[in-house]
mmCIF file of all heavy atoms, coordinates in Angstrom:
data_MODEL
# 
_entry.id   MODEL 
# 
loop_
_atom_site.group_PDB 
_atom_site.id 
_atom_site.type_symbol 
_atom_site.label_atom_id 
_atom_site.label_alt_id 
_atom_site.label_comp_id 
_atom_site.label_asym_id 
_atom_site.label_entity_id 
_atom_site.label_seq_id 
_atom_site.pdbx_PDB_ins_code 
_atom_site.Cartn_x 
_atom_site.Cartn_y 
_atom_site.Cartn_z 
_atom_site.occupancy 
_atom_site.B_iso_or_equiv 
_atom_site.pdbx_formal_charge 
_atom_site.auth_seq_id 
_atom_site.auth_comp_id 
_atom_site.auth_asym_id 
_atom_site.auth_atom_id 
_atom_site.pdbx_PDB_model_num 
ATOM 1   N N   . ARG A 1 1  ? 5.496   32.798 38.213 1.00 0.00 ? 1  ARG A N   1 
ATOM 2   C CA  . ARG A 1 1  ? 4.285   32.819 37.371 1.00 0.00 ? 1  ARG A CA  1 
ATOM 3   C C   . ARG A 1 1  ? 4.283   31.832 36.256 1.00 0.00 ? 1  ARG A C   1 
ATOM 4   O O   . ARG A 1 1  ? 3.321   31.109 36.055 1.00 0.00 ? 1  ARG A O   1 
ATOM 5   C CB  . ARG A 1 1  ? 3.960   34.193 37.108 1.00 0.00 ? 1  ARG A CB  1 
ATOM 6   C CG  . ARG A 1 1  ? 2.713   34.250 36.095 1.00 0.00 ? 1  ARG A CG  1 
ATOM 7   C CD  . ARG A 1 1  ? 2.175   35.618 36.095 1.00 0.00 ? 1  ARG A CD  1 
ATOM 8   N NE  . ARG A 1 1  ? 1.135   35.567 37.199 1.00 0.00 ? 1  ARG A NE  1 
ATOM 9   C CZ  . ARG A 1 1  ? 0.452   36.584 37.498 1.00 0.00 ? 1  ARG A CZ  1 
ATOM 10  N NH1 . ARG A 1 1  ? 0.677   37.784 36.996 1.00 0.00 ? 1  ARG A NH1 1 
ATOM 11  N NH2 . ARG A 1 1  ? -0.458  36.585 38.499 1.00 0.00 ? 1  ARG A NH2 1 
ATOM 12  N N   . GLY A 1 2  ? 5.328   31.773 35.481 1.00 0.00 ? 2  GLY A N   1 
ATOM 13  C CA  . GLY A 1 2  ? 5.366   30.989 34.238 1.00 0.00 ? 2  GLY A CA  1 
ATOM 14  C C   . GLY A 1 2  ? 5.414   29.499 34.644 1.00 0.00 ? 2  GLY A C   1 
ATOM 15  O O   . GLY A 1 2  ? 4.579   28.729 33.987 1.00 0.00 ? 2  GLY A O   1 
ATOM 16  N N   . LEU A 1 3  ? 6.115   29.097 35.583 1.00 0.00 ? 3  LEU A N   1 
ATOM 17  C CA  . LEU A 1 3  ? 6.128   27.681 36.006 1.00 0.00 ? 3  LEU A CA  1 
ATOM 18  C C   . LEU A 1 3  ? 4.896   27.268 36.716 1.00 0.00 ? 3  LEU A C   1 
ATOM 19  O O   . LEU A 1 3  ? 4.318   26.195 36.439 1.00 0.00 ? 3  LEU A O   1 
ATOM 20  C CB  . LEU A 1 3  ? 7.331   27.556 37.073 1.00 0.00 ? 3  LEU A CB  1 
ATOM 21  C CG  . LEU A 1 3  ? 7.486   26.048 37.567 1.00 0.00 ? 3  LEU A CG  1 
ATOM 22  C CD1 . LEU A 1 3  ? 7.807   25.089 36.358 1.00 0.00 ? 3  LEU A CD1 1 
ATOM 23  C CD2 . LEU A 1 3  ? 8.568   25.974 38.653 1.00 0.00 ? 3  LEU A CD2 1 
ATOM 24  N N   . ALA A 1 4  ? 4.236   28.160 37.430 1.00 0.00 ? 4  ALA A N   1 
ATOM 25  C CA  . ALA A 1 4  ? 2.940   27.868 38.051 1.00 0.00 ? 4  ALA A CA  1 
ATOM 26  C C   . ALA A 1 4  ? 1.899   27.626 36.949 1.00 0.00 ? 4  ALA A C   1 
ATOM 27  O O   . ALA A 1 4  ? 1.041   26.754 37.080 1.00 0.00 ? 4  ALA A O   1 
ATOM 28  C CB  . ALA A 1 4  ? 2.455   29.045 38.916 1.00 0.00 ? 4  ALA A CB  1 
ATOM 29  N N   . ARG A 1 5  ? 1.824   28.493 35.814 1.00 0.00 ? 5  ARG A N   1 
ATOM 30  C CA  . ARG A 1 5  ? 0.963   28.268 34.769 1.00 0.00 ? 5  ARG A CA  1 
ATOM 31  C C   . ARG A 1 5  ? 1.160   26.908 34.114 1.00 0.00 ? 5  ARG A C   1 
ATOM 32  O O   . ARG A 1 5  ? 0.275   26.239 33.869 1.00 0.00 ? 5  ARG A O   1 
ATOM 33  C CB  . ARG A 1 5  ? 1.004   29.358 33.748 1.00 0.00 ? 5  ARG A CB  1 
ATOM 34  C CG  . ARG A 1 5  ? 0.302   30.638 34.174 1.00 0.00 ? 5  ARG A CG  1 
ATOM 35  C CD  . ARG A 1 5  ? 0.361   31.705 33.221 1.00 0.00 ? 5  ARG A CD  1 
ATOM 36  N NE  . ARG A 1 5  ? -0.236  32.909 33.767 1.00 0.00 ? 5  ARG A NE  1 
ATOM 37  C CZ  . ARG A 1 5  ? -0.275  34.000 33.060 1.00 0.00 ? 5  ARG A CZ  1 
ATOM 38  N NH1 . ARG A 1 5  ? 0.271   34.117 31.899 1.00 0.00 ? 5  ARG A NH1 1 
ATOM 39  N NH2 . ARG A 1 5  ? -0.814  35.105 33.608 1.00 0.00 ? 5  ARG A NH2 1 
ATOM 40  N N   . LEU A 1 6  ? 2.434   26.575 33.883 1.00 0.00 ? 6  LEU A N   1 
ATOM 41  C CA  . LEU A 1 6  ? 2.781   25.283 33.188 1.00 0.00 ? 6  LEU A CA  1 
ATOM 42  C C   . LEU A 1 6  ? 2.359   24.173 34.073 1.00 0.00 ? 6  LEU A C   1 
ATOM 43  O O   . LEU A 1 6  ? 1.654   23.165 33.595 1.00 0.00 ? 6  LEU A O   1 
ATOM 44  C CB  . LEU A 1 6  ? 4.194   25.158 32.947 1.00 0.00 ? 6  LEU A CB  1 
ATOM 45  C CG  . LEU A 1 6  ? 4.808   23.991 32.389 1.00 0.00 ? 6  LEU A CG  1 
ATOM 46  C CD1 . LEU A 1 6  ? 4.306   23.826 30.987 1.00 0.00 ? 6  LEU A CD1 1 
ATOM 47  C CD2 . LEU A 1 6  ? 6.261   23.815 32.439 1.00 0.00 ? 6  LEU A CD2 1 
ATOM 48  N N   . LEU A 1 7  ? 2.519   24.207 35.417 1.00 0.00 ? 7  LEU A N   1 
ATOM 49  C CA  . LEU A 1 7  ? 2.200   23.182 36.213 1.00 0.00 ? 7  LEU A CA  1 
ATOM 50  C C   . LEU A 1 7  ? 0.668   22.983 36.346 1.00 0.00 ? 7  LEU A C   1 
ATOM 51  O O   . LEU A 1 7  ? 0.052   21.872 36.370 1.00 0.00 ? 7  LEU A O   1 
ATOM 52  C CB  . LEU A 1 7  ? 2.717   23.373 37.656 1.00 0.00 ? 7  LEU A CB  1 
ATOM 53  C CG  . LEU A 1 7  ? 4.230   23.050 37.769 1.00 0.00 ? 7  LEU A CG  1 
ATOM 54  C CD1 . LEU A 1 7  ? 4.660   23.372 39.196 1.00 0.00 ? 7  LEU A CD1 1 
ATOM 55  C CD2 . LEU A 1 7  ? 4.564   21.579 37.489 1.00 0.00 ? 7  LEU A CD2 1 
ATOM 56  N N   . LEU A 1 8  ? -0.154  24.145 36.343 1.00 0.00 ? 8  LEU A N   1 
ATOM 57  C CA  . LEU A 1 8  ? -1.547  24.067 36.313 1.00 0.00 ? 8  LEU A CA  1 
ATOM 58  C C   . LEU A 1 8  ? -2.056  23.523 35.087 1.00 0.00 ? 8  LEU A C   1 
ATOM 59  O O   . LEU A 1 8  ? -3.056  22.585 35.088 1.00 0.00 ? 8  LEU A O   1 
ATOM 60  C CB  . LEU A 1 8  ? -2.134  25.428 36.645 1.00 0.00 ? 8  LEU A CB  1 
ATOM 61  C CG  . LEU A 1 8  ? -2.021  25.926 38.066 1.00 0.00 ? 8  LEU A CG  1 
ATOM 62  C CD1 . LEU A 1 8  ? -2.599  27.417 38.140 1.00 0.00 ? 8  LEU A CD1 1 
ATOM 63  C CD2 . LEU A 1 8  ? -2.820  25.100 39.019 1.00 0.00 ? 8  LEU A CD2 1 
ATOM 64  N N   . VAL A 1 9  ? -1.482  23.831 33.936 1.00 0.00 ? 9  VAL A N   1 
ATOM 65  C CA  . VAL A 1 9  ? -1.967  23.196 32.690 1.00 0.00 ? 9  VAL A CA  1 
ATOM 66  C C   . VAL A 1 9  ? -1.697  21.698 32.743 1.00 0.00 ? 9  VAL A C   1 
ATOM 67  O O   . VAL A 1 9  ? -2.516  20.892 32.271 1.00 0.00 ? 9  VAL A O   1 
ATOM 68  C CB  . VAL A 1 9  ? -1.137  23.866 31.495 1.00 0.00 ? 9  VAL A CB  1 
ATOM 69  C CG1 . VAL A 1 9  ? -1.358  23.021 30.194 1.00 0.00 ? 9  VAL A CG1 1 
ATOM 70  C CG2 . VAL A 1 9  ? -1.754  25.240 31.314 1.00 0.00 ? 9  VAL A CG2 1 
ATOM 71  N N   . LEU A 1 10 ? -0.560  21.284 33.256 1.00 0.00 ? 10 LEU A N   1 
ATOM 72  C CA  . LEU A 1 10 ? -0.264  19.790 33.230 1.00 0.00 ? 10 LEU A CA  1 
ATOM 73  C C   . LEU A 1 10 ? -1.218  19.058 34.273 1.00 0.00 ? 10 LEU A C   1 
ATOM 74  O O   . LEU A 1 10 ? -1.694  18.030 33.879 1.00 0.00 ? 10 LEU A O   1 
ATOM 75  C CB  . LEU A 1 10 ? 1.199   19.707 33.780 1.00 0.00 ? 10 LEU A CB  1 
ATOM 76  C CG  . LEU A 1 10 ? 1.755   18.280 33.970 1.00 0.00 ? 10 LEU A CG  1 
ATOM 77  C CD1 . LEU A 1 10 ? 1.761   17.549 32.593 1.00 0.00 ? 10 LEU A CD1 1 
ATOM 78  C CD2 . LEU A 1 10 ? 3.083   18.198 34.703 1.00 0.00 ? 10 LEU A CD2 1 
ATOM 79  N N   . VAL A 1 11 ? -1.560  19.674 35.340 1.00 0.00 ? 11 VAL A N   1 
ATOM 80  C CA  . VAL A 1 11 ? -2.460  19.061 36.207 1.00 0.00 ? 11 VAL A CA  1 
ATOM 81  C C   . VAL A 1 11 ? -3.834  19.009 35.756 1.00 0.00 ? 11 VAL A C   1 
ATOM 82  O O   . VAL A 1 11 ? -4.567  17.991 35.743 1.00 0.00 ? 11 VAL A O   1 
ATOM 83  C CB  . VAL A 1 11 ? -2.489  19.827 37.627 1.00 0.00 ? 11 VAL A CB  1 
ATOM 84  C CG1 . VAL A 1 11 ? -3.766  19.442 38.475 1.00 0.00 ? 11 VAL A CG1 1 
ATOM 85  C CG2 . VAL A 1 11 ? -1.208  19.635 38.385 1.00 0.00 ? 11 VAL A CG2 1 
ATOM 86  N N   . HIS A 1 12 ? -4.274  20.128 34.992 1.00 0.00 ? 12 HIS A N   1 
ATOM 87  C CA  . HIS A 1 12 ? -5.671  20.037 34.353 1.00 0.00 ? 12 HIS A CA  1 
ATOM 88  C C   . HIS A 1 12 ? -5.668  18.958 33.238 1.00 0.00 ? 12 HIS A C   1 
ATOM 89  O O   . HIS A 1 12 ? -6.625  18.294 33.041 1.00 0.00 ? 12 HIS A O   1 
ATOM 90  C CB  . HIS A 1 12 ? -6.017  21.489 33.782 1.00 0.00 ? 12 HIS A CB  1 
ATOM 91  C CG  . HIS A 1 12 ? -6.281  22.336 34.782 1.00 0.00 ? 12 HIS A CG  1 
ATOM 92  N ND1 . HIS A 1 12 ? -6.620  23.669 34.600 1.00 0.00 ? 12 HIS A ND1 1 
ATOM 93  C CD2 . HIS A 1 12 ? -6.332  22.351 36.171 1.00 0.00 ? 12 HIS A CD2 1 
ATOM 94  C CE1 . HIS A 1 12 ? -6.928  24.376 35.648 1.00 0.00 ? 12 HIS A CE1 1 
ATOM 95  N NE2 . HIS A 1 12 ? -6.669  23.513 36.651 1.00 0.00 ? 12 HIS A NE2 1 
ATOM 96  N N   . PHE A 1 13 ? -4.503  18.779 32.523 1.00 0.00 ? 13 PHE A N   1 
ATOM 97  C CA  . PHE A 1 13 ? -4.460  17.867 31.466 1.00 0.00 ? 13 PHE A CA  1 
ATOM 98  C C   . PHE A 1 13 ? -4.608  16.423 32.029 1.00 0.00 ? 13 PHE A C   1 
ATOM 99  O O   . PHE A 1 13 ? -5.298  15.535 31.506 1.00 0.00 ? 13 PHE A O   1 
ATOM 100 C CB  . PHE A 1 13 ? -3.244  17.982 30.594 1.00 0.00 ? 13 PHE A CB  1 
ATOM 101 C CG  . PHE A 1 13 ? -2.961  16.931 29.609 1.00 0.00 ? 13 PHE A CG  1 
ATOM 102 C CD1 . PHE A 1 13 ? -3.732  16.780 28.487 1.00 0.00 ? 13 PHE A CD1 1 
ATOM 103 C CD2 . PHE A 1 13 ? -1.977  15.905 29.880 1.00 0.00 ? 13 PHE A CD2 1 
ATOM 104 C CE1 . PHE A 1 13 ? -3.512  15.810 27.627 1.00 0.00 ? 13 PHE A CE1 1 
ATOM 105 C CE2 . PHE A 1 13 ? -1.770  14.928 28.962 1.00 0.00 ? 13 PHE A CE2 1 
ATOM 106 C CZ  . PHE A 1 13 ? -2.604  14.842 27.837 1.00 0.00 ? 13 PHE A CZ  1 
ATOM 107 N N   . MET A 1 14 ? -3.799  16.205 33.137 1.00 0.00 ? 14 MET A N   1 
ATOM 108 C CA  . MET A 1 14 ? -3.892  14.879 33.721 1.00 0.00 ? 14 MET A CA  1 
ATOM 109 C C   . MET A 1 14 ? -5.212  14.481 34.362 1.00 0.00 ? 14 MET A C   1 
ATOM 110 O O   . MET A 1 14 ? -5.577  13.363 34.319 1.00 0.00 ? 14 MET A O   1 
ATOM 111 C CB  . MET A 1 14 ? -2.753  14.883 34.822 1.00 0.00 ? 14 MET A CB  1 
ATOM 112 C CG  . MET A 1 14 ? -1.376  14.793 34.190 1.00 0.00 ? 14 MET A CG  1 
ATOM 113 S SD  . MET A 1 14 ? -0.087  14.784 35.498 1.00 0.00 ? 14 MET A SD  1 
ATOM 114 C CE  . MET A 1 14 ? -0.351  13.075 36.152 1.00 0.00 ? 14 MET A CE  1 
ATOM 115 N N   . THR A 1 15 ? -5.851  15.518 34.891 1.00 0.00 ? 15 THR A N   1 
ATOM 116 C CA  . THR A 1 15 ? -7.159  15.284 35.479 1.00 0.00 ? 15 THR A CA  1 
ATOM 117 C C   . THR A 1 15 ? -8.247  15.080 34.416 1.00 0.00 ? 15 THR A C   1 
ATOM 118 O O   . THR A 1 15 ? -9.336  14.445 34.607 1.00 0.00 ? 15 THR A O   1 
ATOM 119 C CB  . THR A 1 15 ? -7.638  16.330 36.342 1.00 0.00 ? 15 THR A CB  1 
ATOM 120 O OG1 . THR A 1 15 ? -7.666  17.605 35.672 1.00 0.00 ? 15 THR A OG1 1 
ATOM 121 C CG2 . THR A 1 15 ? -6.750  16.381 37.594 1.00 0.00 ? 15 THR A CG2 1 
ATOM 122 N N   . SER A 1 16 ? -8.009  15.451 33.174 1.00 0.00 ? 16 SER A N   1 
ATOM 123 C CA  . SER A 1 16 ? -8.969  15.244 32.124 1.00 0.00 ? 16 SER A CA  1 
ATOM 124 C C   . SER A 1 16 ? -8.901  13.705 31.538 1.00 0.00 ? 16 SER A C   1 
ATOM 125 O O   . SER A 1 16 ? -9.879  13.468 30.701 1.00 0.00 ? 16 SER A O   1 
ATOM 126 C CB  . SER A 1 16 ? -8.768  16.263 30.951 1.00 0.00 ? 16 SER A CB  1 
ATOM 127 O OG  . SER A 1 16 ? -7.566  16.021 30.252 1.00 0.00 ? 16 SER A OG  1 
ATOM 128 N N   . ILE A 1 17 ? -7.882  13.092 31.904 1.00 0.00 ? 17 ILE A N   1 
ATOM 129 C CA  . ILE A 1 17 ? -7.721  11.701 31.315 1.00 0.00 ? 17 ILE A CA  1 
ATOM 130 C C   . ILE A 1 17 ? -8.525  10.774 32.254 1.00 0.00 ? 17 ILE A C   1 
ATOM 131 O O   . ILE A 1 17 ? -8.324  10.815 33.456 1.00 0.00 ? 17 ILE A O   1 
ATOM 132 C CB  . ILE A 1 17 ? -6.260  11.300 31.262 1.00 0.00 ? 17 ILE A CB  1 
ATOM 133 C CG1 . ILE A 1 17 ? -5.425  12.227 30.303 1.00 0.00 ? 17 ILE A CG1 1 
ATOM 134 C CG2 . ILE A 1 17 ? -6.097  9.842  30.859 1.00 0.00 ? 17 ILE A CG2 1 
ATOM 135 C CD1 . ILE A 1 17 ? -4.008  12.040 30.358 1.00 0.00 ? 17 ILE A CD1 1 
ATOM 136 N N   . PRO A 1 18 ? -9.412  9.956  31.696 1.00 0.00 ? 18 PRO A N   1 
ATOM 137 C CA  . PRO A 1 18 ? -10.142 9.013  32.532 1.00 0.00 ? 18 PRO A CA  1 
ATOM 138 C C   . PRO A 1 18 ? -9.128  7.913  33.221 1.00 0.00 ? 18 PRO A C   1 
ATOM 139 O O   . PRO A 1 18 ? -8.072  7.563  32.619 1.00 0.00 ? 18 PRO A O   1 
ATOM 140 C CB  . PRO A 1 18 ? -11.057 8.199  31.454 1.00 0.00 ? 18 PRO A CB  1 
ATOM 141 C CG  . PRO A 1 18 ? -11.104 9.057  30.330 1.00 0.00 ? 18 PRO A CG  1 
ATOM 142 C CD  . PRO A 1 18 ? -9.786  9.804  30.267 1.00 0.00 ? 18 PRO A CD  1 
ATOM 143 N N   . THR A 1 19 ? -9.562  7.534  34.402 1.00 0.00 ? 19 THR A N   1 
ATOM 144 C CA  . THR A 1 19 ? -8.750  6.596  35.116 1.00 0.00 ? 19 THR A CA  1 
ATOM 145 C C   . THR A 1 19 ? -8.592  5.211  34.292 1.00 0.00 ? 19 THR A C   1 
ATOM 146 O O   . THR A 1 19 ? -7.637  4.500  34.655 1.00 0.00 ? 19 THR A O   1 
ATOM 147 C CB  . THR A 1 19 ? -9.314  6.314  36.494 1.00 0.00 ? 19 THR A CB  1 
ATOM 148 O OG1 . THR A 1 19 ? -10.698 5.838  36.380 1.00 0.00 ? 19 THR A OG1 1 
ATOM 149 C CG2 . THR A 1 19 ? -9.319  7.555  37.276 1.00 0.00 ? 19 THR A CG2 1 
ATOM 150 N N   . VAL A 1 20 ? -9.506  4.891  33.570 1.00 0.00 ? 20 VAL A N   1 
ATOM 151 C CA  . VAL A 1 20 ? -9.413  3.704  32.740 1.00 0.00 ? 20 VAL A CA  1 
ATOM 152 C C   . VAL A 1 20 ? -8.101  3.727  31.960 1.00 0.00 ? 20 VAL A C   1 
ATOM 153 O O   . VAL A 1 20 ? -7.447  2.696  31.780 1.00 0.00 ? 20 VAL A O   1 
ATOM 154 C CB  . VAL A 1 20 ? -10.666 3.418  31.883 1.00 0.00 ? 20 VAL A CB  1 
ATOM 155 C CG1 . VAL A 1 20 ? -10.474 2.236  30.897 1.00 0.00 ? 20 VAL A CG1 1 
ATOM 156 C CG2 . VAL A 1 20 ? -11.821 3.269  32.817 1.00 0.00 ? 20 VAL A CG2 1 
ATOM 157 N N   . ILE A 1 21 ? -7.715  4.840  31.289 1.00 0.00 ? 21 ILE A N   1 
ATOM 158 C CA  . ILE A 1 21 ? -6.566  4.977  30.524 1.00 0.00 ? 21 ILE A CA  1 
ATOM 159 C C   . ILE A 1 21 ? -5.393  4.701  31.497 1.00 0.00 ? 21 ILE A C   1 
ATOM 160 O O   . ILE A 1 21 ? -4.363  4.078  30.958 1.00 0.00 ? 21 ILE A O   1 
ATOM 161 C CB  . ILE A 1 21 ? -6.557  6.421  29.807 1.00 0.00 ? 21 ILE A CB  1 
ATOM 162 C CG1 . ILE A 1 21 ? -7.820  6.568  29.019 1.00 0.00 ? 21 ILE A CG1 1 
ATOM 163 C CG2 . ILE A 1 21 ? -5.375  6.584  29.074 1.00 0.00 ? 21 ILE A CG2 1 
ATOM 164 C CD1 . ILE A 1 21 ? -8.079  5.602  27.931 1.00 0.00 ? 21 ILE A CD1 1 
ATOM 165 N N   . TYR A 1 22 ? -5.368  5.292  32.648 1.00 0.00 ? 22 TYR A N   1 
ATOM 166 C CA  . TYR A 1 22 ? -4.207  5.097  33.493 1.00 0.00 ? 22 TYR A CA  1 
ATOM 167 C C   . TYR A 1 22 ? -4.143  3.610  33.837 1.00 0.00 ? 22 TYR A C   1 
ATOM 168 O O   . TYR A 1 22 ? -2.980  3.005  34.062 1.00 0.00 ? 22 TYR A O   1 
ATOM 169 C CB  . TYR A 1 22 ? -4.386  5.890  34.844 1.00 0.00 ? 22 TYR A CB  1 
ATOM 170 C CG  . TYR A 1 22 ? -4.134  7.312  34.595 1.00 0.00 ? 22 TYR A CG  1 
ATOM 171 C CD1 . TYR A 1 22 ? -5.104  8.200  34.846 1.00 0.00 ? 22 TYR A CD1 1 
ATOM 172 C CD2 . TYR A 1 22 ? -2.948  7.880  34.095 1.00 0.00 ? 22 TYR A CD2 1 
ATOM 173 C CE1 . TYR A 1 22 ? -4.876  9.698  34.716 1.00 0.00 ? 22 TYR A CE1 1 
ATOM 174 C CE2 . TYR A 1 22 ? -2.694  9.188  33.964 1.00 0.00 ? 22 TYR A CE2 1 
ATOM 175 C CZ  . TYR A 1 22 ? -3.695  10.096 34.178 1.00 0.00 ? 22 TYR A CZ  1 
ATOM 176 O OH  . TYR A 1 22 ? -3.432  11.434 33.996 1.00 0.00 ? 22 TYR A OH  1 
ATOM 177 N N   . GLY A 1 23 ? -5.270  2.861  33.994 1.00 0.00 ? 23 GLY A N   1 
ATOM 178 C CA  . GLY A 1 23 ? -5.224  1.487  34.171 1.00 0.00 ? 23 GLY A CA  1 
ATOM 179 C C   . GLY A 1 23 ? -4.600  0.682  32.989 1.00 0.00 ? 23 GLY A C   1 
ATOM 180 O O   . GLY A 1 23 ? -3.834  -0.184 33.266 1.00 0.00 ? 23 GLY A O   1 
ATOM 181 N N   . PHE A 1 24 ? -4.957  1.056  31.781 1.00 0.00 ? 24 PHE A N   1 
ATOM 182 C CA  . PHE A 1 24 ? -4.382  0.443  30.614 1.00 0.00 ? 24 PHE A CA  1 
ATOM 183 C C   . PHE A 1 24 ? -2.884  0.728  30.575 1.00 0.00 ? 24 PHE A C   1 
ATOM 184 O O   . PHE A 1 24 ? -2.083  -0.174 30.208 1.00 0.00 ? 24 PHE A O   1 
ATOM 185 C CB  . PHE A 1 24 ? -5.024  0.894  29.321 1.00 0.00 ? 24 PHE A CB  1 
ATOM 186 C CG  . PHE A 1 24 ? -6.364  0.175  29.012 1.00 0.00 ? 24 PHE A CG  1 
ATOM 187 C CD1 . PHE A 1 24 ? -7.466  0.985  28.786 1.00 0.00 ? 24 PHE A CD1 1 
ATOM 188 C CD2 . PHE A 1 24 ? -6.408  -1.168 29.031 1.00 0.00 ? 24 PHE A CD2 1 
ATOM 189 C CE1 . PHE A 1 24 ? -8.704  0.370  28.552 1.00 0.00 ? 24 PHE A CE1 1 
ATOM 190 C CE2 . PHE A 1 24 ? -7.697  -1.767 28.758 1.00 0.00 ? 24 PHE A CE2 1 
ATOM 191 C CZ  . PHE A 1 24 ? -8.743  -0.981 28.540 1.00 0.00 ? 24 PHE A CZ  1 
ATOM 192 N N   . VAL A 1 25 ? -2.399  1.946  30.827 1.00 0.00 ? 25 VAL A N   1 
ATOM 193 C CA  . VAL A 1 25 ? -1.058  2.174  30.840 1.00 0.00 ? 25 VAL A CA  1 
ATOM 194 C C   . VAL A 1 25 ? -0.281  1.393  31.769 1.00 0.00 ? 25 VAL A C   1 
ATOM 195 O O   . VAL A 1 25 ? 0.766   0.904  31.591 1.00 0.00 ? 25 VAL A O   1 
ATOM 196 C CB  . VAL A 1 25 ? -0.730  3.754  31.138 1.00 0.00 ? 25 VAL A CB  1 
ATOM 197 C CG1 . VAL A 1 25 ? 0.629   4.087  31.374 1.00 0.00 ? 25 VAL A CG1 1 
ATOM 198 C CG2 . VAL A 1 25 ? -1.329  4.533  29.931 1.00 0.00 ? 25 VAL A CG2 1 
ATOM 199 N N   . SER A 1 26 ? -0.954  1.156  32.954 1.00 0.00 ? 26 SER A N   1 
ATOM 200 C CA  . SER A 1 26 ? -0.311  0.312  34.065 1.00 0.00 ? 26 SER A CA  1 
ATOM 201 C C   . SER A 1 26 ? -0.192  -1.033 33.691 1.00 0.00 ? 26 SER A C   1 
ATOM 202 O O   . SER A 1 26 ? 0.910   -1.661 33.811 1.00 0.00 ? 26 SER A O   1 
ATOM 203 C CB  . SER A 1 26 ? -1.223  0.467  35.330 1.00 0.00 ? 26 SER A CB  1 
ATOM 204 O OG  . SER A 1 26 ? -0.653  -0.381 36.395 1.00 0.00 ? 26 SER A OG  1 
ATOM 205 N N   . VAL A 1 27 ? -1.193  -1.568 33.041 1.00 0.00 ? 27 VAL A N   1 
ATOM 206 C CA  . VAL A 1 27 ? -1.144  -3.021 32.581 1.00 0.00 ? 27 VAL A CA  1 
ATOM 207 C C   . VAL A 1 27 ? -0.188  -3.211 31.538 1.00 0.00 ? 27 VAL A C   1 
ATOM 208 O O   . VAL A 1 27 ? 0.487   -4.222 31.517 1.00 0.00 ? 27 VAL A O   1 
ATOM 209 C CB  . VAL A 1 27 ? -2.610  -3.453 32.213 1.00 0.00 ? 27 VAL A CB  1 
ATOM 210 C CG1 . VAL A 1 27 ? -2.608  -4.809 31.528 1.00 0.00 ? 27 VAL A CG1 1 
ATOM 211 C CG2 . VAL A 1 27 ? -3.461  -3.549 33.526 1.00 0.00 ? 27 VAL A CG2 1 
# 
């Protein structure tokens, strides 16, 4: 349960970041 909550928080955080930011990080 604890690891599942941590992973869900991480996934929700990552999906809140716009893809443009991932593009800048990539470049």
